[in-house]
Protein backbone atom coordinates (compact mmCIF):
# COMPACT_ATOMS: atom_id res chain seq x y z
CA MET A 1 -9.68 -32.92 25.56
CA ARG A 2 -10.93 -34.30 22.46
CA GLU A 3 -9.99 -30.53 20.79
CA LEU A 4 -6.28 -31.82 22.17
CA ALA A 5 -5.98 -35.12 21.70
CA LEU A 6 -7.15 -34.70 18.67
CA GLY A 7 -4.38 -31.93 17.72
CA ARG A 8 -0.78 -31.56 17.50
CA PRO A 9 -0.59 -31.59 21.56
CA ALA A 10 -1.28 -34.95 21.41
CA ALA A 11 2.53 -35.36 19.89
CA THR A 12 4.21 -32.58 22.25
CA LEU A 13 2.18 -31.88 25.23
CA ARG A 14 4.20 -33.30 28.07
CA ASP A 15 2.86 -31.80 31.26
CA ILE A 16 -0.85 -31.75 32.40
CA GLU A 17 -2.39 -30.46 35.39
CA ILE A 18 -5.85 -30.86 35.45
CA VAL A 19 -7.99 -29.77 38.99
CA LEU A 20 -11.66 -29.02 40.10
CA ASN A 21 -13.37 -29.20 36.31
CA PRO A 22 -16.52 -30.50 35.96
CA SER A 23 -16.05 -30.97 32.18
CA ILE A 24 -13.48 -33.92 32.90
CA SER A 25 -15.37 -38.10 33.47
CA ASP A 26 -14.65 -41.16 33.82
CA GLY A 27 -15.25 -40.98 29.88
CA ALA A 28 -12.23 -38.56 29.40
CA VAL A 29 -9.60 -40.86 29.97
CA TYR A 30 -10.05 -41.93 26.93
CA TRP A 31 -9.00 -39.22 25.11
CA ILE A 32 -6.67 -38.21 27.41
CA SER A 33 -4.52 -41.18 26.81
CA ARG A 34 -4.51 -40.51 22.92
CA LEU A 35 -1.64 -38.05 24.91
CA LYS A 36 1.27 -39.74 23.55
CA ALA A 37 3.84 -37.74 24.70
CA LEU A 38 2.85 -37.24 29.07
CA HIS A 39 5.12 -37.38 30.83
CA ARG A 40 3.52 -36.53 34.42
CA ALA A 41 -0.22 -36.19 34.78
CA HIS A 42 -1.77 -34.69 37.67
CA PHE A 43 -5.61 -34.95 38.72
CA TYR A 44 -7.52 -33.46 41.40
CA PHE A 45 -10.85 -32.98 42.82
CA LEU A 46 -12.72 -34.73 39.93
CA PRO A 47 -16.27 -34.49 41.22
CA TYR A 48 -17.91 -36.26 37.95
CA VAL A 49 -14.71 -38.86 38.22
CA SER A 50 -16.42 -41.44 40.06
CA ASN A 51 -13.87 -44.67 40.25
CA ARG A 52 -9.85 -42.56 40.45
CA HIS A 53 -8.46 -46.35 40.71
CA SER A 54 -10.09 -47.28 37.64
CA PHE A 55 -8.85 -43.74 35.97
CA ILE A 56 -5.25 -44.38 37.15
CA ARG A 57 -5.20 -48.06 36.22
CA GLN A 58 -5.79 -47.11 32.48
CA LEU A 59 -4.12 -43.74 31.96
CA LYS A 60 -1.29 -46.14 33.38
CA LEU A 61 -1.91 -49.00 31.06
CA ALA A 62 -2.22 -46.21 27.82
CA ILE A 63 0.67 -44.51 28.44
CA PRO A 64 3.58 -47.26 30.60
CA ARG A 65 6.03 -43.90 30.77
CA CYS A 66 3.67 -40.81 32.12
CA HIS A 67 3.60 -40.47 36.13
CA VAL A 68 0.02 -40.69 36.84
CA THR A 69 -0.82 -39.11 40.39
CA PHE A 70 -4.70 -38.28 41.87
CA PRO A 71 -4.98 -37.99 45.12
CA GLU A 72 -7.98 -38.93 47.07
CA ALA A 73 -10.30 -35.24 48.23
CA VAL A 74 -10.61 -35.79 51.68
CA GLN A 75 -11.32 -32.18 52.91
CA ILE A 76 -12.67 -29.40 50.21
CA GLY A 77 -13.67 -26.56 51.41
CA TYR A 78 -13.78 -23.72 54.24
CA GLY A 79 -14.50 -24.43 58.16
CA TYR A 80 -11.99 -27.33 58.19
CA GLU A 81 -9.14 -25.74 60.07
CA ASP A 82 -11.35 -24.53 62.34
CA GLU A 83 -11.77 -28.52 63.66
CA LYS A 84 -8.32 -28.83 63.62
CA LYS A 85 -7.56 -25.95 66.34
CA GLU A 86 -11.12 -27.19 68.32
CA LYS A 87 -9.48 -30.60 69.00
CA LYS A 88 -6.11 -28.82 69.91
CA LYS A 89 -7.69 -27.81 73.22
């Protein structure tokens, strides 16, 4: 993220989507917030982000025109389809 924030993408990157990346933690919000041209940011299942609401709030304050989505990951992995089938029986 630091390389993006310090380079040309900081002024030109409009959309970013980060999913299942263990390199992104709570501290990465500092570098993401320096991407001032962002209009859309989507994050999903980032295991090292401990405070999802704070992460979203900090980004929205730093980049007000950016639409930030970070849904809560409830069920990750295989096997949940079997549970749904068993409940129907």
